[in-house]
């Protein structure tokens, strides 16, 4: 059993490091993969608050691209693409990445329920 005595020990094991994700369904020639960086707890809370919006009014505008933009990165963790740029990409690709981001951040059920009354 691992015991973490310091925040640094904990961070070294559970920090927000980029993870390579394979999306073979989009490969044209060979393998297709991207890097996703998990959200921090603060980033997740801020994103969820932005979806709920003011006075509980939902803001679903460009939802998938907004979330993907927070996690899509290069192998060093540097973000690639703004939510507007990502929103202009192929819907099925962004949908697949969105699903990966939700799963990676333990959000699978949370976001699905956001759009329902």
Protein backbone atom coordinates (compact mmCIF):
# COMPACT_ATOMS: atom_id res chain seq x y z
CA UNK A 1 0.00 0.00 0.00
CA UNK A 2 1.33 3.45 -0.94
CA UNK A 3 1.30 6.18 1.65
CA UNK A 4 1.59 9.76 0.53
CA UNK A 5 3.23 11.99 3.09
CA UNK A 6 3.39 15.20 1.09
CA UNK A 7 1.42 17.00 -1.58
CA UNK A 8 4.43 16.61 -3.92
CA UNK A 9 4.35 12.81 -3.53
CA UNK A 10 0.65 12.82 -4.22
CA UNK A 11 1.06 15.18 -7.19
CA UNK A 12 3.81 13.04 -8.72
CA UNK A 13 1.43 10.07 -8.81
CA UNK A 14 -1.84 11.83 -9.59
CA UNK A 15 -0.86 15.07 -11.30
CA UNK A 16 -2.42 16.34 -14.49
CA UNK A 17 0.05 14.87 -16.97
CA UNK A 18 -0.86 14.47 -20.64
CA UNK A 19 -2.16 11.04 -21.62
CA UNK A 20 -2.00 9.64 -25.14
CA UNK A 21 -5.41 8.54 -26.41
CA UNK A 22 -5.79 6.43 -29.54
CA UNK A 23 -8.75 7.08 -31.83
CA UNK A 24 -8.36 4.36 -34.49
CA UNK A 25 -11.75 5.11 -36.03
CA UNK A 26 -10.28 8.35 -37.41
CA UNK A 27 -7.01 6.91 -38.74
CA UNK A 28 -6.57 7.39 -42.47
CA UNK A 29 -3.09 5.93 -42.81
CA UNK A 30 -1.77 4.16 -39.74
CA UNK A 31 -2.54 5.05 -36.13
CA UNK A 32 -4.27 8.21 -34.94
CA UNK A 33 -3.73 9.45 -31.43
CA UNK A 34 -4.02 12.69 -29.50
CA UNK A 35 -2.91 13.91 -26.10
CA UNK A 36 -5.37 14.90 -23.41
CA UNK A 37 -4.51 16.53 -20.11
CA UNK A 38 -6.85 15.76 -17.21
CA UNK A 39 -8.66 18.69 -15.63
CA UNK A 40 -7.66 19.99 -12.26
CA UNK A 41 -10.40 19.96 -9.65
CA UNK A 42 -10.65 23.76 -10.01
CA UNK A 43 -10.93 23.56 -13.81
CA UNK A 44 -13.66 20.94 -13.59
CA UNK A 45 -15.65 22.99 -11.10
CA UNK A 46 -15.27 26.13 -13.23
CA UNK A 47 -16.38 24.28 -16.36
CA UNK A 48 -19.42 22.78 -14.62
CA UNK A 49 -20.32 26.20 -13.18
CA UNK A 50 -20.10 27.69 -16.68
CA UNK A 51 -22.56 25.08 -17.96
CA UNK A 52 -25.07 25.73 -15.20
CA UNK A 53 -24.67 29.48 -15.71
CA UNK A 54 -26.28 32.33 -13.86
CA UNK A 55 -29.54 31.63 -12.04
CA UNK A 56 -29.39 27.97 -13.09
CA UNK A 57 -29.85 28.76 -16.80
CA UNK A 58 -27.91 26.20 -18.81
CA UNK A 59 -25.26 27.36 -21.25
CA UNK A 60 -24.81 24.50 -23.71
CA UNK A 61 -23.36 26.76 -26.44
CA UNK A 62 -20.31 25.04 -27.98
CA UNK A 63 -20.28 22.68 -24.97
CA UNK A 64 -18.19 19.90 -26.52
CA UNK A 65 -15.57 22.26 -27.92
CA UNK A 66 -15.37 24.18 -24.64
CA UNK A 67 -14.57 21.03 -22.70
CA UNK A 68 -12.25 19.54 -25.34
CA UNK A 69 -10.28 22.83 -25.51
CA UNK A 70 -9.54 22.53 -21.79
CA UNK A 71 -7.89 19.12 -22.27
CA UNK A 72 -6.56 18.80 -25.85
CA UNK A 73 -2.80 19.36 -25.75
CA UNK A 74 0.54 18.35 -27.18
CA UNK A 75 2.76 15.76 -25.46
CA UNK A 76 4.18 18.44 -23.13
CA UNK A 77 0.73 19.53 -21.93
CA UNK A 78 0.58 22.76 -23.93
CA UNK A 79 -3.03 23.42 -25.06
CA UNK A 80 -3.70 23.24 -28.79
CA UNK A 81 -6.68 25.10 -30.16
CA UNK A 82 -9.21 27.49 -28.71
CA UNK A 83 -12.82 26.52 -28.13
CA UNK A 84 -13.78 28.50 -31.26
CA UNK A 85 -11.17 26.72 -33.39
CA UNK A 86 -12.12 23.31 -32.02
CA UNK A 87 -15.82 24.12 -32.48
CA UNK A 88 -15.16 24.46 -36.21
CA UNK A 89 -13.83 20.91 -36.54
CA UNK A 90 -15.60 17.72 -37.59
CA UNK A 91 -18.48 16.98 -35.18
CA UNK A 92 -17.94 13.23 -34.88
CA UNK A 93 -14.24 13.70 -34.09
CA UNK A 94 -14.94 16.30 -31.40
CA UNK A 95 -17.75 14.13 -30.06
CA UNK A 96 -15.37 11.17 -29.70
CA UNK A 97 -12.75 13.34 -27.98
CA UNK A 98 -15.46 14.83 -25.73
CA UNK A 99 -16.42 11.30 -24.64
CA UNK A 100 -12.76 10.52 -23.85
CA UNK A 101 -12.43 13.75 -21.85
CA UNK A 102 -15.58 12.98 -19.84
CA UNK A 103 -14.39 9.47 -19.04
CA UNK A 104 -10.88 10.66 -18.14
CA UNK A 105 -12.26 13.22 -15.71
CA UNK A 106 -15.01 11.09 -14.16
CA UNK A 107 -17.68 13.23 -15.81
CA UNK A 108 -19.50 10.66 -17.93
CA UNK A 109 -22.80 10.90 -16.10
CA UNK A 110 -22.48 14.52 -14.95
CA UNK A 111 -22.53 16.17 -18.36
CA UNK A 112 -25.13 13.85 -19.84
CA UNK A 113 -27.53 14.90 -17.11
CA UNK A 114 -26.82 18.62 -17.54
CA UNK A 115 -28.93 18.96 -20.67
CA UNK A 116 -31.93 17.11 -19.28
CA UNK A 117 -34.87 18.52 -17.36
